[in-house]
Amino acid sequence: MDITGLVIFLIIGAIAGWLAGNIMKGGGLGLLGNIVIGVVGAFIGGFLLGVLGLSATGIIGSIISATIGAVVLLFLIGVLKKA
């Protein structure tokens, strides 16, 4: 992965983390938090979509996939915090 790909990956992670933070908590998690949640969410979302036999293509598809994974991640974190 070259530097351009890495920057795009981090931007997608930041957008997905911000969207997931707004969906689940009503606000963002800060730039670093958004990136971390979005990047981890990208892996989770890619796995979940693969299990369902779906795939995300392009920038928009990547953002949607990462957001789905980030929402699932934030949901699981919320459940574990309450337990």
C-alpha atoms as a PDB file:
ATOM      1  CA  MET A   1       0.000   0.000   0.000  1.00  0.00           C
ATOM      2  CA  ASP A   2       1.459   3.323  -0.998  1.00  0.00           C
ATOM      3  CA  ILE A   3       1.079   6.585   0.925  1.00  0.00           C
ATOM      4  CA  THR A   4      -1.950   7.658  -1.130  1.00  0.00           C
ATOM      5  CA  GLY A   5      -3.761   4.399  -0.363  1.00  0.00           C
ATOM      6  CA  LEU A   6      -2.946   4.756   3.320  1.00  0.00           C
ATOM      7  CA  VAL A   7      -4.262   8.322   3.441  1.00  0.00           C
ATOM      8  CA  ILE A   8      -7.476   7.293   1.657  1.00  0.00           C
ATOM      9  CA  PHE A   9      -7.865   4.350   4.063  1.00  0.00           C
ATOM     10  CA  LEU A  10      -7.483   6.659   7.072  1.00  0.00           C
ATOM     11  CA  ILE A  11      -9.930   9.201   5.606  1.00  0.00           C
ATOM     12  CA  ILE A  12     -12.498   6.448   5.009  1.00  0.00           C
ATOM     13  CA  GLY A  13     -11.932   5.253   8.586  1.00  0.00           C
ATOM     14  CA  ALA A  14     -12.414   8.773   9.949  1.00  0.00           C
ATOM     15  CA  ILE A  15     -15.648   9.271   8.007  1.00  0.00           C
ATOM     16  CA  ALA A  16     -17.003   5.850   8.986  1.00  0.00           C
ATOM     17  CA  GLY A  17     -16.080   6.360  12.646  1.00  0.00           C
ATOM     18  CA  TRP A  18     -17.726   9.779  12.669  1.00  0.00           C
ATOM     19  CA  LEU A  19     -20.905   8.411  11.058  1.00  0.00           C
ATOM     20  CA  ALA A  20     -21.035   5.467  13.472  1.00  0.00           C
ATOM     21  CA  GLY A  21     -20.438   7.767  16.435  1.00  0.00           C
ATOM     22  CA  ASN A  22     -23.334   9.951  15.339  1.00  0.00           C
ATOM     23  CA  ILE A  23     -25.589   6.944  14.775  1.00  0.00           C
ATOM     24  CA  MET A  24     -24.806   5.180  18.058  1.00  0.00           C
ATOM     25  CA  LYS A  25     -23.876   7.906  20.538  1.00  0.00           C
ATOM     26  CA  GLY A  26     -25.247  11.088  19.053  1.00  0.00           C
ATOM     27  CA  GLY A  27     -21.801  12.614  18.514  1.00  0.00           C
ATOM     28  CA  GLY A  28     -18.335  12.010  17.127  1.00  0.00           C
ATOM     29  CA  LEU A  29     -15.494  10.415  19.064  1.00  0.00           C
ATOM     30  CA  GLY A  30     -12.735  12.874  18.150  1.00  0.00           C
ATOM     31  CA  LEU A  31     -10.456  12.534  15.139  1.00  0.00           C
ATOM     32  CA  LEU A  32      -8.254   9.763  16.500  1.00  0.00           C
ATOM     33  CA  GLY A  33     -11.209   7.875  17.990  1.00  0.00           C
ATOM     34  CA  ASN A  34     -13.110   8.152  14.715  1.00  0.00           C
ATOM     35  CA  ILE A  35     -10.156   6.810  12.762  1.00  0.00           C
ATOM     36  CA  VAL A  36      -9.588   3.873  15.115  1.00  0.00           C
ATOM     37  CA  ILE A  37     -13.275   2.923  15.257  1.00  0.00           C
ATOM     38  CA  GLY A  38     -13.602   3.346  11.486  1.00  0.00           C
ATOM     39  CA  VAL A  39     -10.511   1.270  10.646  1.00  0.00           C
ATOM     40  CA  VAL A  40     -11.501  -1.568  12.981  1.00  0.00           C
ATOM     41  CA  GLY A  41     -15.056  -1.221  11.676  1.00  0.00           C
ATOM     42  CA  ALA A  42     -13.780  -1.613   8.112  1.00  0.00           C
ATOM     43  CA  PHE A  43     -12.409  -5.048   8.958  1.00  0.00           C
ATOM     44  CA  ILE A  44     -15.579  -6.055  10.812  1.00  0.00           C
ATOM     45  CA  GLY A  45     -17.829  -4.703   8.058  1.00  0.00           C
ATOM     46  CA  GLY A  46     -15.821  -6.457   5.343  1.00  0.00           C
ATOM     47  CA  PHE A  47     -16.069  -9.727   7.270  1.00  0.00           C
ATOM     48  CA  LEU A  48     -19.810  -9.383   7.908  1.00  0.00           C
ATOM     49  CA  LEU A  49     -20.593  -8.476   4.308  1.00  0.00           C
ATOM     50  CA  GLY A  50     -18.457 -11.400   3.127  1.00  0.00           C
ATOM     51  CA  VAL A  51     -20.411 -13.782   5.365  1.00  0.00           C
ATOM     52  CA  LEU A  52     -23.618 -12.468   3.801  1.00  0.00           C
ATOM     53  CA  GLY A  53     -22.190 -12.930   0.307  1.00  0.00           C
ATOM     54  CA  LEU A  54     -22.062  -9.197  -0.387  1.00  0.00           C
ATOM     55  CA  SER A  55     -19.166  -6.966  -1.334  1.00  0.00           C
ATOM     56  CA  ALA A  56     -18.578  -3.242  -1.241  1.00  0.00           C
ATOM     57  CA  THR A  57     -16.853  -1.546  -4.155  1.00  0.00           C
ATOM     58  CA  GLY A  58     -15.612   1.980  -4.588  1.00  0.00           C
ATOM     59  CA  ILE A  59     -15.206   4.725  -2.030  1.00  0.00           C
ATOM     60  CA  ILE A  60     -18.901   4.928  -1.116  1.00  0.00           C
ATOM     61  CA  GLY A  61     -19.145   1.157  -0.716  1.00  0.00           C
ATOM     62  CA  SER A  62     -16.061   1.174   1.496  1.00  0.00           C
ATOM     63  CA  ILE A  63     -17.510   3.933   3.667  1.00  0.00           C
ATOM     64  CA  ILE A  64     -20.814   2.061   3.994  1.00  0.00           C
ATOM     65  CA  SER A  65     -19.063  -1.209   4.831  1.00  0.00           C
ATOM     66  CA  ALA A  66     -16.786   0.439   7.389  1.00  0.00           C
ATOM     67  CA  THR A  67     -19.724   2.314   8.932  1.00  0.00           C
ATOM     68  CA  ILE A  68     -21.706  -0.907   9.318  1.00  0.00           C
ATOM     69  CA  GLY A  69     -18.736  -2.543  11.021  1.00  0.00           C
ATOM     70  CA  ALA A  70     -18.125   0.497  13.235  1.00  0.00           C
ATOM     71  CA  VAL A  71     -21.771   0.559  14.338  1.00  0.00           C
ATOM     72  CA  VAL A  72     -21.532  -3.134  15.236  1.00  0.00           C
ATOM     73  CA  LEU A  73     -18.285  -2.457  17.119  1.00  0.00           C
ATOM     74  CA  LEU A  74     -19.780   0.451  19.092  1.00  0.00           C
ATOM     75  CA  PHE A  75     -22.846  -1.656  19.877  1.00  0.00           C
ATOM     76  CA  LEU A  76     -20.668  -4.483  21.220  1.00  0.00           C
ATOM     77  CA  ILE A  77     -18.585  -2.042  23.259  1.00  0.00           C
ATOM     78  CA  GLY A  78     -21.790  -0.607  24.747  1.00  0.00           C
ATOM     79  CA  VAL A  79     -23.049  -4.069  25.647  1.00  0.00           C
ATOM     80  CA  LEU A  80     -19.745  -5.030  27.270  1.00  0.00           C
ATOM     81  CA  LYS A  81     -19.609  -1.762  29.246  1.00  0.00           C
ATOM     82  CA  LYS A  82     -23.048  -2.446  30.733  1.00  0.00           C
ATOM     83  CA  ALA A  83     -22.166  -6.018  31.694  1.00  0.00           C
END
